[in-house]
Amino acid sequence: MEESSSGSSVNHHNYSGSPITNMAQDHLLTILLLLPVDAVLSLSMTCKRFKAIASSDTLWKSLCKRDFGSTCVDALMHHCQHQFPIPWMRLYKQVSQMDSVCCHRLLSDSYGGLDFPSARASHSLNFVSNCLVLFGGGCEGGRHLDDTWVAYIGNDFQKMLKWQTVTSGIPSGRFGHTCVEMGDFLVLFGGINDNGNRQNDTWVGRVTCNEKNGITFSWKMLDVGSIAPPQRGAHAASRIDDKRMVIHGGIGLHGLRLGDTWVLELSDNLCFGTWHEVVTHPSPPPRSGHTLTCIGRSRIILFGGRGLGYEVLHDVWLLDTCQGYLKWIQILYDLQNIPGGVSLPRVGHSATMVLGGRLLIYGGEDSARHRKEDFWILDISTIPCISSMQPTTVSSKRVSTKLWKKWRSNGYEPRRRSFHRACADPSGRYLYIFGGMVDGYLQPAEPSGLRFDGELFLVELLLQF
C-alpha cells in the first residue's frame, strides 16, 4: 500500500480520500478480478470497505467462474442446489482444498442382462452433449472393434446407465485412435487395425437428442483435402478451441515412434478441415501412449508416454498458442523432490481436466508393465504465465515443489489398469472411467496375466459441504 514520506505505512483510516477507495463498486470488482486470490484476501484486510467487497458473493461467484470455468461452475451448482445454498467464498475454498476422490462401482457388463460395451482397451470415451460416447478399441486376441455406444447422463451422474449401439456410418474398426470433444461434436483421427495397418482418416461424430427418436448418433468422414498427417496409432490429441485440434506423436509405419505435431482447422459448418504441421524447436521427443490435455486459455499439457528406447517418460510440456502461433515449452521439475515421485513415469494413463482447474492423472503402467491405480494432480496454477517469455524451458523452485500432488482414494477399489479411457462431466467433479488392460489370473496355458477389462466406474472429487 501507499507509504508516507517517513517510510511508514499509511493508516487505513486515512484512505477516505484515496482515489481507489472512492471508486464505484463495479469498478473495484473489475480490478479485484484481475488479481490472484491471495492478493484479494490481503487487500480485504486494509479497510472495512475492501473487506465488505472482498467477501461479497458477487465477487466470489465471479472468481469461481474465472478460475474454474463458467460451464464447470454452473454444472456444479446444479449438483449442489438440492442440498442447501453454498456461499461462493466457501465453495471456492472447498474446491481449492480438495485432496481426495471416492470411487463408485457402476453397471458391470453382466448386470441384469442389459446391453453393455464389451471388455476392451485403447478405445475412446467422451462426454459430449450430456452423453457418454464410446468407440472401438482392441479386445482379446488383438482384434479391433468397430462398435459405437451412447449412454445419456444429463446433468447428474448416474450409477446405472442404459447404453445403446449405433450401426450406421461407423468408422472402420481400430484401436489406439483419438477422439476429441469440440463443442457439440467429436473429432476422431487415426488408429490401428488388427492387421497392423495404421490409419490417418478423420471423422466427425454428433449426438442428436429429440423426443420422438430419443438419442441418435452419426459419424461422417471429414473432407481434409490432399494433406493429412502420416498414418499412426497410440498418438495423443486435444482440442485447442471449438474449431482446432492438435495431435502429437504415436506409432507410425514399421513401428516407428513419431514426434511430430499437427493441427486440424475446421470450417464453421464442419464440412471440411485443413491439416498443417507445426514445426518448432525444441519440441517433445518421439513417444506413444502419452496424453495431451487442453487446460484452458489455449494451452495444452503433454505428459508421459513411451519413448524411442522403450523407456517410460515423466516429462511435462506446454503447448502455448496464446500469441497466435504455437510453441512447445518444457516444464522442468525435480522428480526426487516430489513425495512418491518415483511412481510418476507412466504410459497408457489418462489425463483429464477436473474441477478447480487441475489435471487429474490416473493409472497407466511403468517400464516393467506394472499397472497403476494411483491418482495424481498436476496443478497448472503453479506454472508461470509464459506467453511473453523467450526461454524454451520453465524451471523454478516453486514449480518443482508444487507442480505434483498425490491424492487419496477411498470407496470402491478398481483394479490397476492401463490404456483405459476417462472423461469428465461438465462440472469436472465426476469422472467416468471404462476398460483398459488389467492384471488377470494366470492359467497354465496362458502366456501372461494380462486381460482386457469391461468395467465402468465413477470417480467423485470430494467436497466437504
Protein backbone atom coordinates (compact mmCIF):
# COMPACT_ATOMS: atom_id res chain seq x y z
CA MET A 1 0.00 0.00 0.00
CA GLU A 2 0.97 3.69 -0.20
CA GLU A 3 3.70 4.88 2.18
CA SER A 4 4.19 8.25 3.91
CA SER A 5 7.38 10.33 3.49
CA SER A 6 8.76 8.82 6.71
CA GLY A 7 8.58 5.34 5.12
CA SER A 8 5.86 4.01 7.44
CA SER A 9 2.63 2.59 6.06
CA VAL A 10 -0.34 4.93 5.94
CA ASN A 11 -3.05 4.07 8.49
CA HIS A 12 -6.10 2.64 6.74
CA HIS A 13 -8.34 5.20 8.48
CA ASN A 14 -6.74 7.89 6.27
CA TYR A 15 -7.74 6.19 2.99
CA SER A 16 -11.05 8.05 2.73
CA GLY A 17 -9.53 10.43 0.20
CA SER A 18 -7.68 7.77 -1.81
CA PRO A 19 -8.89 7.51 -5.42
CA ILE A 20 -9.18 3.72 -5.24
CA THR A 21 -11.45 3.78 -2.20
CA ASN A 22 -13.70 6.35 -3.87
CA MET A 23 -14.21 4.20 -6.95
CA ALA A 24 -17.62 2.83 -7.80
CA GLN A 25 -18.11 -0.71 -6.54
CA ASP A 26 -18.41 -2.26 -10.01
CA HIS A 27 -15.07 -0.70 -10.97
CA LEU A 28 -13.45 -2.09 -7.81
CA LEU A 29 -14.85 -5.54 -8.58
CA THR A 30 -13.35 -5.34 -12.06
CA ILE A 31 -9.93 -4.57 -10.56
CA LEU A 32 -10.18 -7.32 -7.94
CA LEU A 33 -10.99 -9.87 -10.65
CA LEU A 34 -7.59 -9.14 -12.20
CA LEU A 35 -5.77 -10.15 -9.01
CA PRO A 36 -4.75 -13.57 -7.65
CA VAL A 37 -6.95 -14.82 -4.81
CA ASP A 38 -4.13 -14.32 -2.26
CA ALA A 39 -3.95 -10.64 -3.25
CA VAL A 40 -7.72 -10.27 -2.93
CA LEU A 41 -7.61 -11.67 0.61
CA SER A 42 -4.69 -9.41 1.55
CA LEU A 43 -6.46 -6.35 0.19
CA SER A 44 -9.55 -7.22 2.23
CA MET A 45 -7.58 -6.57 5.43
CA THR A 46 -6.77 -2.93 4.59
CA CYS A 47 -10.13 -1.31 5.32
CA LYS A 48 -13.78 -2.05 6.07
CA ARG A 49 -14.95 -1.22 2.57
CA PHE A 50 -12.46 -3.57 0.91
CA LYS A 51 -13.34 -6.26 3.43
CA ALA A 52 -17.04 -5.99 2.55
CA ILE A 53 -16.40 -6.07 -1.20
CA ALA A 54 -13.76 -8.82 -1.00
CA SER A 55 -16.14 -11.10 0.91
CA SER A 56 -19.18 -10.43 -1.27
CA ASP A 57 -20.95 -13.28 -3.04
CA THR A 58 -20.83 -11.28 -6.27
CA LEU A 59 -17.02 -11.20 -6.27
CA TRP A 60 -16.52 -14.84 -5.28
CA LYS A 61 -19.04 -16.07 -7.83
CA SER A 62 -17.02 -14.27 -10.49
CA LEU A 63 -13.74 -15.64 -9.08
CA CYS A 64 -15.14 -19.17 -9.18
CA LYS A 65 -16.14 -18.74 -12.82
CA ARG A 66 -12.80 -17.14 -13.66
CA ASP A 67 -10.68 -19.88 -12.11
CA PHE A 68 -12.91 -22.94 -12.57
CA GLY A 69 -14.80 -22.04 -15.76
CA SER A 70 -18.41 -20.93 -16.21
CA THR A 71 -19.63 -24.29 -17.54
CA CYS A 72 -17.98 -26.11 -14.66
CA VAL A 73 -19.43 -23.78 -12.00
CA ASP A 74 -22.95 -23.82 -13.46
CA ALA A 75 -22.97 -27.63 -13.53
CA LEU A 76 -21.52 -27.82 -10.02
CA MET A 77 -24.21 -25.54 -8.62
CA HIS A 78 -26.86 -27.72 -10.26
CA HIS A 79 -25.47 -30.67 -8.30
CA CYS A 80 -25.44 -28.69 -5.05
CA GLN A 81 -28.78 -26.88 -5.28
CA HIS A 82 -30.71 -29.83 -3.82
CA GLN A 83 -28.63 -29.68 -0.62
CA PHE A 84 -28.54 -26.07 0.59
CA PRO A 85 -27.30 -22.69 -0.69
CA ILE A 86 -23.50 -22.56 -0.53
CA PRO A 87 -21.72 -19.19 -0.20
CA TRP A 88 -19.42 -18.69 -3.17
CA MET A 89 -16.41 -17.89 -0.99
CA ARG A 90 -16.88 -21.19 0.85
CA LEU A 91 -17.28 -23.06 -2.42
CA TYR A 92 -14.01 -21.58 -3.71
CA LYS A 93 -12.24 -22.61 -0.51
CA GLN A 94 -13.65 -26.15 -0.63
CA VAL A 95 -12.60 -26.64 -4.25
CA SER A 96 -9.12 -25.25 -3.56
CA GLN A 97 -8.61 -27.58 -0.60
CA MET A 98 -9.72 -30.82 -2.32
CA ASP A 99 -7.20 -33.62 -1.89
CA SER A 100 -9.09 -36.89 -2.37
CA VAL A 101 -11.50 -38.84 -4.55
CA CYS A 102 -14.12 -41.50 -3.92
CA CYS A 103 -14.66 -44.31 -6.45
CA HIS A 104 -18.10 -45.78 -7.12
CA ARG A 105 -18.77 -49.01 -8.97
CA LEU A 106 -21.27 -48.61 -11.80
CA LEU A 107 -23.12 -51.04 -14.01
CA SER A 108 -21.00 -54.07 -14.94
CA ASP A 109 -21.14 -55.85 -18.28
CA SER A 110 -23.17 -58.70 -16.79
CA TYR A 111 -25.60 -56.62 -14.74
CA GLY A 112 -29.25 -57.55 -15.28
CA GLY A 113 -28.63 -58.91 -18.76
CA LEU A 114 -28.61 -55.38 -20.20
CA ASP A 115 -26.55 -54.50 -23.27
CA PHE A 116 -23.20 -53.09 -22.33
CA PRO A 117 -19.92 -52.43 -24.17
CA SER A 118 -17.62 -55.46 -24.11
CA ALA A 119 -14.18 -55.53 -22.49
CA ARG A 120 -11.58 -53.52 -24.42
CA ALA A 121 -8.56 -51.24 -24.26
CA SER A 122 -7.15 -48.34 -26.35
CA HIS A 123 -10.71 -47.27 -27.23
CA SER A 124 -12.18 -43.77 -26.95
CA LEU A 125 -14.61 -42.46 -24.30
CA ASN A 126 -16.00 -38.93 -24.42
CA PHE A 127 -18.60 -36.80 -22.64
CA VAL A 128 -20.42 -34.71 -25.24
CA SER A 129 -23.95 -33.24 -25.37
CA ASN A 130 -24.75 -34.79 -21.94
CA CYS A 131 -23.86 -38.27 -23.20
CA LEU A 132 -21.07 -40.78 -22.87
CA VAL A 133 -19.86 -41.93 -26.29
CA LEU A 134 -17.58 -44.97 -26.61
CA PHE A 135 -15.99 -46.19 -29.83
CA GLY A 136 -13.74 -49.03 -30.93
CA GLY A 137 -10.69 -50.37 -29.14
CA GLY A 138 -8.89 -53.68 -29.03
CA CYS A 139 -10.02 -56.90 -27.39
CA GLU A 140 -8.86 -60.48 -26.76
CA GLY A 141 -6.68 -61.92 -29.48
CA GLY A 142 -5.54 -58.49 -30.66
CA ARG A 143 -8.78 -57.97 -32.55
CA HIS A 144 -10.13 -54.49 -33.24
CA LEU A 145 -13.69 -53.37 -32.53
CA ASP A 146 -15.86 -51.06 -34.64
CA ASP A 147 -18.88 -50.50 -32.39
CA THR A 148 -20.17 -47.14 -31.13
CA TRP A 149 -22.08 -46.94 -27.83
CA VAL A 150 -24.02 -43.99 -26.43
CA ALA A 151 -25.44 -43.53 -22.89
CA TYR A 152 -27.39 -40.47 -21.74
CA ILE A 153 -26.10 -38.91 -18.49
CA GLY A 154 -27.72 -35.48 -18.30
CA ASN A 155 -26.72 -33.08 -15.56
CA ASP A 156 -26.45 -35.65 -12.78
CA PHE A 157 -24.07 -38.56 -12.51
CA GLN A 158 -25.71 -41.93 -12.99
CA LYS A 159 -24.99 -45.17 -11.17
CA MET A 160 -26.90 -47.19 -13.75
CA LEU A 161 -26.56 -46.44 -17.44
CA LYS A 162 -28.65 -47.54 -20.39
CA TRP A 163 -26.34 -47.99 -23.36
CA GLN A 164 -27.46 -48.17 -26.97
CA THR A 165 -25.44 -49.01 -30.08
CA VAL A 166 -25.03 -47.09 -33.32
CA THR A 167 -24.91 -49.13 -36.51
CA SER A 168 -24.76 -46.71 -39.45
CA GLY A 169 -21.83 -44.85 -40.99
CA ILE A 170 -19.31 -46.19 -38.49
CA PRO A 171 -15.56 -45.74 -39.00
CA SER A 172 -13.66 -48.96 -39.68
CA GLY A 173 -12.55 -50.96 -36.66
CA ARG A 174 -9.46 -49.70 -34.86
CA PHE A 175 -7.68 -49.18 -31.56
CA GLY A 176 -5.16 -46.58 -30.44
CA HIS A 177 -7.13 -43.82 -32.18
CA THR A 178 -8.00 -40.46 -30.62
CA CYS A 179 -11.43 -38.86 -30.28
CA VAL A 180 -11.72 -35.26 -29.07
CA GLU A 181 -14.75 -33.21 -27.98
CA MET A 182 -15.03 -29.95 -29.91
CA GLY A 183 -18.17 -28.13 -28.85
CA ASP A 184 -21.12 -30.44 -29.57
CA PHE A 185 -19.04 -32.64 -31.89
CA LEU A 186 -16.43 -35.38 -31.67
CA VAL A 187 -13.42 -35.50 -34.00
CA LEU A 188 -11.75 -38.89 -34.46
CA PHE A 189 -8.34 -39.45 -36.03
CA GLY A 190 -6.11 -42.41 -36.87
CA GLY A 191 -5.72 -45.73 -35.09
CA ILE A 192 -4.51 -49.27 -35.85
CA ASN A 193 -6.49 -52.31 -37.05
CA ASP A 194 -5.88 -55.96 -36.23
CA ASN A 195 -3.75 -56.37 -39.37
CA GLY A 196 -1.36 -53.76 -38.00
CA ASN A 197 -2.40 -51.17 -40.59
CA ARG A 198 -2.19 -47.57 -39.41
CA GLN A 199 -4.93 -45.09 -40.32
CA ASN A 200 -4.88 -41.34 -40.98
CA ASP A 201 -8.54 -40.67 -41.72
CA THR A 202 -10.56 -38.00 -39.89
CA TRP A 203 -14.19 -38.45 -38.79
CA VAL A 204 -16.77 -36.18 -37.17
CA GLY A 205 -19.42 -37.54 -34.80
CA ARG A 206 -22.52 -35.85 -33.43
CA VAL A 207 -25.15 -36.70 -30.80
CA THR A 208 -28.73 -35.69 -31.54
CA CYS A 209 -31.45 -35.79 -28.88
CA ASN A 210 -35.15 -35.39 -29.65
CA GLU A 211 -38.40 -36.50 -28.06
CA LYS A 212 -39.52 -38.63 -31.00
CA ASN A 213 -36.38 -40.65 -31.75
CA GLY A 214 -34.56 -40.33 -28.44
CA ILE A 215 -30.76 -40.28 -28.71
CA THR A 216 -29.14 -40.80 -32.09
CA PHE A 217 -25.50 -40.59 -33.08
CA SER A 218 -23.98 -40.24 -36.53
CA TRP A 219 -20.45 -40.41 -37.96
CA LYS A 220 -19.26 -38.84 -41.19
CA MET A 221 -15.83 -38.81 -42.76
CA LEU A 222 -14.33 -35.33 -42.88
CA ASP A 223 -13.02 -33.96 -46.16
CA VAL A 224 -9.47 -32.73 -45.39
CA GLY A 225 -8.13 -32.40 -48.92
CA SER A 226 -4.82 -33.91 -50.01
CA ILE A 227 -2.76 -33.10 -46.89
CA ALA A 228 -3.03 -35.24 -43.75
CA PRO A 229 -0.66 -36.41 -41.01
CA PRO A 230 1.16 -39.72 -41.67
CA GLN A 231 -0.72 -42.85 -40.55
CA ARG A 232 -0.43 -43.65 -36.86
CA GLY A 233 -1.92 -45.05 -33.68
CA ALA A 234 -1.24 -44.65 -29.93
CA HIS A 235 -0.80 -40.92 -30.52
CA ALA A 236 -2.30 -38.13 -28.38
CA ALA A 237 -4.81 -35.42 -29.30
CA SER A 238 -6.56 -32.44 -27.75
CA ARG A 239 -8.80 -29.62 -28.80
CA ILE A 240 -7.36 -26.11 -28.85
CA ASP A 241 -10.78 -24.49 -29.19
CA ASP A 242 -14.08 -25.41 -30.87
CA LYS A 243 -12.50 -25.18 -34.33
CA ARG A 244 -8.95 -26.51 -33.86
CA MET A 245 -7.48 -29.83 -32.75
CA VAL A 246 -3.85 -30.83 -32.24
CA ILE A 247 -2.24 -34.29 -32.43
CA HIS A 248 1.26 -35.36 -31.43
CA GLY A 249 3.43 -38.46 -31.76
CA GLY A 250 2.26 -42.06 -31.84
CA ILE A 251 3.42 -45.22 -33.60
CA GLY A 252 3.72 -44.88 -37.36
CA LEU A 253 4.62 -47.23 -40.16
CA HIS A 254 7.08 -50.03 -39.35
CA GLY A 255 6.56 -49.42 -35.62
CA LEU A 256 8.48 -46.13 -35.63
CA ARG A 257 7.61 -43.74 -32.80
CA LEU A 258 6.82 -40.24 -34.04
CA GLY A 259 7.44 -36.80 -32.54
CA ASP A 260 5.59 -34.54 -34.98
CA THR A 261 2.83 -32.04 -34.17
CA TRP A 262 -0.15 -31.39 -36.46
CA VAL A 263 -3.12 -29.02 -36.18
CA LEU A 264 -6.54 -29.54 -37.78
CA GLU A 265 -8.55 -26.39 -38.54
CA LEU A 266 -12.27 -26.99 -39.11
CA SER A 267 -14.70 -24.98 -41.20
CA ASP A 268 -17.65 -23.33 -39.45
CA ASN A 269 -20.09 -25.99 -40.65
CA LEU A 270 -17.59 -28.85 -40.02
CA CYS A 271 -17.92 -29.96 -43.65
CA PHE A 272 -14.20 -29.86 -44.28
CA GLY A 273 -10.93 -29.36 -42.44
CA THR A 274 -7.32 -28.43 -43.13
CA TRP A 275 -4.30 -30.17 -41.59
CA HIS A 276 -0.92 -28.45 -41.25
CA GLU A 277 2.24 -29.47 -39.45
CA VAL A 278 3.70 -27.31 -36.67
CA VAL A 279 7.49 -27.38 -36.66
CA THR A 280 9.12 -25.77 -33.61
CA HIS A 281 12.35 -26.12 -31.70
CA PRO A 282 12.51 -27.51 -29.12
CA SER A 283 9.62 -29.97 -29.16
CA PRO A 284 8.78 -33.13 -27.20
CA PRO A 285 10.84 -36.20 -28.21
CA PRO A 286 9.04 -39.01 -30.11
CA ARG A 287 6.70 -41.13 -28.00
CA SER A 288 3.47 -43.13 -27.85
CA GLY A 289 0.83 -43.77 -25.20
CA HIS A 290 1.11 -40.22 -23.83
CA THR A 291 -1.62 -37.63 -23.22
CA LEU A 292 -2.49 -34.16 -24.48
CA THR A 293 -5.00 -32.15 -22.45
CA CYS A 294 -6.38 -28.65 -23.03
CA ILE A 295 -6.04 -26.66 -19.79
CA GLY A 296 -7.87 -23.54 -20.92
CA ARG A 297 -6.81 -20.22 -22.44
CA SER A 298 -5.42 -22.05 -25.47
CA ARG A 299 -2.78 -24.01 -23.58
CA ILE A 300 -2.21 -27.76 -23.80
CA ILE A 301 -0.27 -30.08 -21.49
CA LEU A 302 1.63 -33.14 -22.73
CA PHE A 303 2.63 -35.78 -20.17
CA GLY A 304 4.41 -39.13 -20.16
CA GLY A 305 4.36 -41.92 -22.71
CA ARG A 306 6.91 -44.42 -24.04
CA GLY A 307 9.99 -43.10 -25.85
CA LEU A 308 12.17 -44.28 -28.71
CA GLY A 309 14.20 -46.55 -26.44
CA TYR A 310 11.04 -48.08 -25.00
CA GLU A 311 11.65 -46.09 -21.82
CA VAL A 312 8.64 -44.75 -19.90
CA LEU A 313 8.66 -40.97 -19.57
CA HIS A 314 7.54 -38.39 -16.99
CA ASP A 315 8.32 -35.10 -18.73
CA VAL A 316 5.79 -32.27 -18.92
CA TRP A 317 5.50 -29.99 -21.95
CA LEU A 318 3.26 -26.98 -22.52
CA LEU A 319 1.97 -26.11 -25.99
CA ASP A 320 1.24 -22.40 -25.84
CA THR A 321 -0.98 -20.86 -28.51
CA CYS A 322 -1.80 -17.52 -26.87
CA GLN A 323 0.18 -15.31 -29.26
CA GLY A 324 -1.32 -16.69 -32.44
CA TYR A 325 1.43 -19.22 -33.10
CA LEU A 326 2.25 -22.49 -31.39
CA LYS A 327 5.41 -23.18 -29.41
CA TRP A 328 6.44 -26.03 -27.13
CA ILE A 329 7.92 -25.20 -23.72
CA GLN A 330 9.19 -27.86 -21.34
CA ILE A 331 8.20 -27.52 -17.66
CA LEU A 332 11.18 -28.83 -15.70
CA TYR A 333 10.82 -30.28 -12.22
CA ASP A 334 12.90 -32.45 -9.91
CA LEU A 335 11.33 -35.89 -9.56
CA GLN A 336 13.36 -36.54 -6.39
CA ASN A 337 11.75 -33.57 -4.61
CA ILE A 338 8.20 -34.89 -5.08
CA PRO A 339 6.92 -37.27 -2.37
CA GLY A 340 6.29 -40.58 -4.11
CA GLY A 341 7.54 -39.10 -7.37
CA VAL A 342 9.38 -42.29 -8.29
CA SER A 343 6.00 -43.68 -9.39
CA LEU A 344 5.20 -40.77 -11.76
CA PRO A 345 6.71 -42.09 -15.03
CA ARG A 346 3.94 -43.87 -16.95
CA VAL A 347 2.40 -44.79 -20.29
CA GLY A 348 -1.22 -45.64 -21.12
CA HIS A 349 -2.61 -43.37 -18.40
CA SER A 350 -5.48 -40.88 -18.59
CA ALA A 351 -5.19 -37.12 -18.02
CA THR A 352 -8.42 -35.19 -17.53
CA MET A 353 -9.19 -31.58 -16.63
CA VAL A 354 -11.31 -31.58 -13.46
CA LEU A 355 -12.94 -29.16 -11.05
CA GLY A 356 -10.58 -26.48 -9.75
CA GLY A 357 -8.55 -26.13 -12.94
CA ARG A 358 -6.43 -29.18 -12.22
CA LEU A 359 -5.19 -32.05 -14.36
CA LEU A 360 -6.04 -35.47 -12.89
CA ILE A 361 -3.68 -38.28 -13.91
CA TYR A 362 -4.91 -41.83 -13.32
CA GLY A 363 -3.47 -45.29 -13.90
CA GLY A 364 -1.09 -46.33 -16.64
CA GLU A 365 1.89 -48.65 -16.45
CA ASP A 366 5.63 -48.43 -15.84
CA SER A 367 8.56 -49.73 -17.89
CA ALA A 368 8.07 -53.27 -16.48
CA ARG A 369 4.35 -53.17 -17.46
CA HIS A 370 3.27 -52.96 -13.85
CA ARG A 371 -0.13 -51.30 -13.97
CA LYS A 372 -1.06 -48.44 -11.64
CA GLU A 373 -4.07 -47.43 -9.54
CA ASP A 374 -2.91 -44.05 -8.23
CA PHE A 375 -4.35 -40.56 -8.71
CA TRP A 376 -2.04 -37.59 -9.22
CA ILE A 377 -2.90 -33.93 -9.59
CA LEU A 378 -0.83 -31.70 -11.83
CA ASP A 379 -1.58 -28.20 -10.54
CA ILE A 380 -1.44 -25.97 -13.58
CA SER A 381 -1.77 -22.82 -11.43
CA THR A 382 1.88 -23.32 -10.39
CA ILE A 383 3.05 -23.00 -13.99
CA PRO A 384 4.10 -19.38 -14.57
CA CYS A 385 2.44 -17.30 -17.26
CA ILE A 386 4.92 -17.77 -20.07
CA SER A 387 3.26 -16.29 -23.14
CA SER A 388 5.65 -13.33 -23.16
CA MET A 389 8.76 -15.27 -22.11
CA GLN A 390 11.54 -16.24 -24.51
CA PRO A 391 13.12 -19.25 -22.71
CA THR A 392 12.14 -22.66 -24.06
CA THR A 393 12.05 -24.24 -20.61
CA VAL A 394 10.43 -23.13 -17.37
CA SER A 395 12.04 -24.26 -14.15
CA SER A 396 11.76 -22.82 -10.66
CA LYS A 397 11.70 -23.98 -7.07
CA ARG A 398 8.02 -23.07 -6.94
CA VAL A 399 7.19 -25.24 -9.94
CA SER A 400 9.27 -28.24 -8.88
CA THR A 401 7.84 -28.42 -5.37
CA LYS A 402 4.17 -27.66 -6.06
CA LEU A 403 3.53 -28.97 -9.56
CA TRP A 404 2.55 -32.50 -8.44
CA LYS A 405 0.49 -33.86 -5.58
CA LYS A 406 -0.75 -37.39 -4.98
CA TRP A 407 -4.43 -37.60 -3.99
CA ARG A 408 -6.03 -40.11 -1.65
CA SER A 409 -8.68 -42.53 -2.89
CA ASN A 410 -11.43 -44.28 -0.95
CA GLY A 411 -14.64 -46.17 -1.62
CA TYR A 412 -14.65 -48.84 -4.32
CA GLU A 413 -11.20 -50.15 -5.27
CA PRO A 414 -10.96 -50.73 -9.04
CA ARG A 415 -8.26 -52.96 -10.48
CA ARG A 416 -4.95 -51.47 -11.57
CA ARG A 417 -5.18 -50.60 -15.24
CA SER A 418 -3.56 -49.05 -18.29
CA PHE A 419 -4.79 -47.99 -21.75
CA HIS A 420 -8.23 -47.30 -20.27
CA ARG A 421 -10.14 -44.12 -21.08
CA ALA A 422 -11.59 -41.39 -18.85
CA CYS A 423 -13.78 -38.32 -19.33
CA ALA A 424 -15.35 -35.76 -17.01
CA ASP A 425 -18.86 -34.35 -16.90
CA PRO A 426 -19.34 -30.57 -17.38
CA SER A 427 -18.88 -29.86 -13.66
CA GLY A 428 -15.48 -31.55 -13.64
CA ARG A 429 -16.45 -33.20 -10.37
CA TYR A 430 -17.37 -36.62 -11.78
CA LEU A 431 -15.04 -38.74 -13.88
CA TYR A 432 -16.19 -41.79 -15.84
CA ILE A 433 -13.55 -44.49 -16.49
CA PHE A 434 -14.01 -47.53 -18.69
CA GLY A 435 -11.95 -50.54 -19.73
CA GLY A 436 -8.22 -50.96 -20.15
CA MET A 437 -5.65 -53.66 -19.56
CA VAL A 438 -5.72 -55.15 -16.06
CA ASP A 439 -3.92 -57.90 -14.18
CA GLY A 440 -5.56 -61.26 -14.84
CA TYR A 441 -5.29 -64.64 -13.21
CA LEU A 442 -2.58 -66.83 -14.65
CA GLN A 443 -3.72 -70.17 -16.02
CA PRO A 444 -1.31 -72.95 -17.06
CA ALA A 445 -1.95 -72.34 -20.78
CA GLU A 446 -1.74 -68.53 -20.58
CA PRO A 447 1.48 -66.76 -21.66
CA SER A 448 0.82 -63.79 -19.36
CA GLY A 449 -1.53 -62.48 -16.73
CA LEU A 450 -2.88 -59.65 -18.91
CA ARG A 451 -6.54 -59.30 -19.73
CA PHE A 452 -8.99 -56.76 -21.09
CA ASP A 453 -11.43 -55.10 -18.71
CA GLY A 454 -15.10 -54.23 -19.26
CA GLU A 455 -15.72 -52.29 -16.06
CA LEU A 456 -17.20 -48.80 -15.87
CA PHE A 457 -16.69 -46.87 -12.65
CA LEU A 458 -17.09 -43.32 -11.46
CA VAL A 459 -14.56 -41.13 -9.63
CA GLU A 460 -16.04 -38.36 -7.50
CA LEU A 461 -13.93 -35.41 -6.36
CA LEU A 462 -14.75 -34.99 -2.69
CA LEU A 463 -16.08 -31.65 -1.46
CA GLN A 464 -16.92 -31.10 2.22
CA PHE A 465 -20.25 -29.23 2.17
